Amino acid sequence: MTANVLVPGGATNTNLIAPDAPYPRAALIQPEVMQTPVVWLASDASQACNGRRLIAYYWDERLPLEERLAKASAPAAWPQLGRQAISPGR
């Protein structure tokens, strides 16, 4: 089993942004950026990809896969944050 996260990469032109937002909708990330990386993640070609956070905005089909992943992904979690957890009774 694999687990990855795919995010657009910032404010995206969806109905989650208020219609009266103070910036032009065209300046937002367009939802279509999610299409190509989500299709790749659903394919057998992504089997070796696990525990990654992919940023669709940086997904560049013109690059070889290795370079594309280097540009558009990072670990899904930051292990160092676990050491900052507050335990009950502290």
Protein backbone atom coordinates (compact mmCIF):
# COMPACT_ATOMS: atom_id res chain seq x y z
CA MET A 1 0.00 0.00 0.00
CA THR A 2 1.16 3.54 -0.70
CA ALA A 3 0.08 6.87 0.74
CA ASN A 4 0.78 10.23 -0.85
CA VAL A 5 -0.71 13.71 -0.67
CA LEU A 6 -1.50 15.85 -3.70
CA VAL A 7 -2.11 19.57 -3.19
CA PRO A 8 -2.58 22.36 -5.73
CA GLY A 9 0.17 24.46 -4.16
CA GLY A 10 -1.74 27.54 -3.04
CA ALA A 11 -5.01 29.40 -3.33
CA THR A 12 -7.01 27.69 -6.06
CA ASN A 13 -9.88 28.97 -8.14
CA THR A 14 -12.63 26.83 -6.59
CA ASN A 15 -15.87 27.54 -4.77
CA LEU A 16 -13.87 27.51 -1.51
CA ILE A 17 -12.68 31.03 -2.41
CA ALA A 18 -15.30 33.67 -1.71
CA PRO A 19 -16.76 35.29 -4.84
CA ASP A 20 -15.88 38.71 -3.44
CA ALA A 21 -12.23 37.82 -2.74
CA PRO A 22 -9.91 40.83 -3.28
CA TYR A 23 -7.89 39.26 -6.11
CA PRO A 24 -8.71 38.24 -9.66
CA ARG A 25 -9.81 34.61 -10.08
CA ALA A 26 -7.47 34.26 -13.07
CA ALA A 27 -4.50 34.97 -10.76
CA LEU A 28 -5.34 31.91 -8.62
CA ILE A 29 -4.06 28.42 -9.37
CA GLN A 30 -6.54 26.77 -11.71
CA PRO A 31 -7.94 23.39 -10.58
CA GLU A 32 -6.84 21.72 -13.82
CA VAL A 33 -3.27 21.57 -12.47
CA MET A 34 -4.41 18.56 -10.43
CA GLN A 35 -5.38 16.44 -13.46
CA THR A 36 -2.05 15.13 -14.71
CA PRO A 37 -0.44 14.33 -11.36
CA VAL A 38 -3.59 12.63 -10.01
CA VAL A 39 -3.77 10.42 -13.12
CA TRP A 40 -0.09 9.53 -12.64
CA LEU A 41 -0.66 8.75 -8.93
CA ALA A 42 -3.55 6.44 -9.86
CA SER A 43 -1.41 4.58 -12.41
CA ASP A 44 0.95 1.65 -11.97
CA ALA A 45 3.81 4.00 -12.87
CA SER A 46 3.58 5.57 -9.40
CA GLN A 47 3.99 2.32 -7.44
CA ALA A 48 7.44 3.30 -6.15
CA CYS A 49 6.20 6.70 -4.92
CA ASN A 50 5.24 6.54 -1.25
CA GLY A 51 5.07 9.00 1.60
CA ARG A 52 5.33 12.05 -0.65
CA ARG A 53 3.58 15.41 -0.77
CA LEU A 54 3.19 16.42 -4.39
CA ILE A 55 2.55 20.02 -5.38
CA ALA A 56 0.56 20.01 -8.62
CA TYR A 57 1.57 23.58 -9.52
CA TYR A 58 5.18 22.41 -9.95
CA TRP A 59 4.35 19.18 -11.83
CA ASP A 60 6.04 19.58 -15.22
CA GLU A 61 5.31 16.88 -17.79
CA ARG A 62 8.17 18.16 -19.97
CA LEU A 63 10.69 16.91 -17.40
CA PRO A 64 11.81 13.31 -16.99
CA LEU A 65 9.96 11.65 -14.10
CA GLU A 66 12.90 11.79 -11.68
CA GLU A 67 13.36 15.53 -12.24
CA ARG A 68 9.61 16.12 -12.12
CA LEU A 69 9.38 14.43 -8.71
CA ALA A 70 12.40 16.34 -7.42
CA LYS A 71 10.76 19.61 -8.45
CA ALA A 72 7.20 18.85 -7.32
CA SER A 73 7.50 16.67 -4.22
CA ALA A 74 8.83 16.46 -0.70
CA PRO A 75 8.30 14.10 2.23
CA ALA A 76 4.65 14.04 3.32
CA ALA A 77 5.63 14.42 6.97
CA TRP A 78 8.36 16.10 8.90
CA PRO A 79 9.77 13.61 11.45
CA GLN A 80 11.40 16.36 13.51
CA LEU A 81 7.93 17.70 14.44
CA GLY A 82 7.19 14.57 16.47
CA ARG A 83 9.85 15.59 18.97
CA GLN A 84 7.90 18.79 19.64
CA ALA A 85 4.76 16.96 20.75
CA ILE A 86 3.43 17.83 24.18
CA SER A 87 2.81 14.77 26.31
CA PRO A 88 0.00 14.73 28.87
CA GLY A 89 1.21 15.72 32.33
CA ARG A 90 4.13 17.85 31.14
